[in-house]
Amino acid sequence: MPQHESAKKRMRQNEKRRERNKSQKSRVRTKIKKLRSLDDKEEAQELLNDVKGDLDRLAAKGVIHKNKAANRKSKLEKHVDDLE
C-alpha cells in the first residue's frame, strides 16, 4: 500500500484510466465483431468508417499502439472489400 499522498493519488488516477481504457477497447472490439459478421457491403462500409475513427482515436490517446490500429484497419478494409 502506498504511504505518500502522491502515490495514493497516482493509484486512484491509474484505476480510473484503466477502467476508461478497458471500456473503450471493449466497445471497439464489439464493433469489430459486428463488422466481421455483416454480409451487406454498404452497411459494412458505413460501420468500417466508424470503426476506423474509433481505432484512430484509441491510437492517438495511447490506449493501443498506432501500428496495431493500422494493422486492424487494414485487415478490416480487406474484409469489407471481399464482400459482395
Protein backbone atom coordinates (compact mmCIF):
# COMPACT_ATOMS: atom_id res chain seq x y z
CA MET A 1 0.00 0.00 0.00
CA PRO A 2 1.36 3.44 -0.83
CA GLN A 3 2.43 5.65 2.05
CA HIS A 4 2.69 9.04 0.33
CA GLU A 5 -0.25 11.14 -0.75
CA SER A 6 1.11 11.43 -4.28
CA ALA A 7 1.39 7.66 -4.57
CA LYS A 8 -2.20 7.26 -3.36
CA LYS A 9 -3.38 9.81 -5.89
CA ARG A 10 -1.42 8.06 -8.64
CA MET A 11 -3.16 4.79 -7.77
CA ARG A 12 -6.58 6.47 -7.99
CA GLN A 13 -5.70 8.01 -11.35
CA ASN A 14 -4.37 4.73 -12.73
CA GLU A 15 -7.52 2.88 -11.70
CA LYS A 16 -9.79 5.46 -13.39
CA ARG A 17 -7.72 5.39 -16.56
CA ARG A 18 -7.59 1.60 -16.61
CA GLU A 19 -11.39 1.39 -16.38
CA ARG A 20 -11.83 4.01 -19.11
CA ASN A 21 -9.34 2.33 -21.44
CA LYS A 22 -10.94 -1.06 -20.79
CA SER A 23 -14.41 0.18 -21.72
CA GLN A 24 -13.17 1.96 -24.84
CA LYS A 25 -11.30 -1.12 -26.06
CA SER A 26 -14.29 -3.32 -25.33
CA ARG A 27 -16.61 -1.00 -27.30
CA VAL A 28 -14.30 -1.10 -30.33
CA ARG A 29 -13.89 -4.89 -30.13
CA THR A 30 -17.69 -5.26 -30.14
CA LYS A 31 -17.96 -3.05 -33.23
CA ILE A 32 -15.24 -5.09 -34.97
CA LYS A 33 -17.09 -8.33 -34.23
CA LYS A 34 -20.30 -6.82 -35.60
CA LEU A 35 -18.46 -5.65 -38.73
CA ARG A 36 -17.00 -9.10 -39.35
CA SER A 37 -20.47 -10.67 -39.10
CA LEU A 38 -22.07 -8.37 -41.70
CA ASP A 39 -22.79 -9.60 -45.23
CA ASP A 40 -24.04 -6.36 -46.79
CA LYS A 41 -21.14 -4.37 -48.29
CA GLU A 42 -22.77 -0.92 -47.98
CA GLU A 43 -23.71 -1.42 -44.35
CA ALA A 44 -20.25 -2.81 -43.63
CA GLN A 45 -18.63 0.21 -45.31
CA GLU A 46 -20.54 2.60 -43.05
CA LEU A 47 -19.57 0.67 -39.93
CA LEU A 48 -15.96 0.43 -41.18
CA ASN A 49 -15.67 4.22 -41.26
CA ASP A 50 -16.95 4.38 -37.69
CA VAL A 51 -14.55 1.68 -36.50
CA LYS A 52 -11.59 3.29 -38.25
CA GLY A 53 -12.30 6.56 -36.46
CA ASP A 54 -12.51 4.78 -33.13
CA LEU A 55 -9.23 2.95 -33.74
CA ASP A 56 -7.52 6.21 -34.68
CA ARG A 57 -8.84 7.83 -31.51
CA LEU A 58 -7.55 4.97 -29.34
CA ALA A 59 -4.14 5.15 -31.01
CA ALA A 60 -3.95 8.93 -30.60
CA LYS A 61 -4.71 8.67 -26.89
CA GLY A 62 -2.16 5.87 -26.42
CA VAL A 63 -4.69 3.20 -25.47
CA ILE A 64 -3.40 0.98 -28.29
CA HIS A 65 -0.25 1.27 -30.38
CA LYS A 66 -0.57 3.15 -33.67
CA ASN A 67 0.74 0.18 -35.66
CA LYS A 68 -1.84 -2.12 -34.06
CA ALA A 69 -4.56 0.32 -35.10
CA ALA A 70 -3.17 0.46 -38.64
CA ASN A 71 -3.00 -3.34 -38.89
CA ARG A 72 -6.57 -3.75 -37.68
CA LYS A 73 -7.85 -1.10 -40.10
CA SER A 74 -6.04 -2.78 -42.99
CA LYS A 75 -7.48 -6.21 -42.21
CA LEU A 76 -10.99 -4.81 -41.80
CA GLU A 77 -10.72 -2.94 -45.11
CA LYS A 78 -9.69 -6.16 -46.83
CA HIS A 79 -12.66 -7.93 -45.26
CA VAL A 80 -15.10 -5.27 -46.48
CA ASP A 81 -13.55 -5.24 -49.96
CA ASP A 82 -14.06 -9.02 -50.22
CA LEU A 83 -17.79 -8.68 -49.52
CA GLU A 84 -20.20 -8.65 -52.45
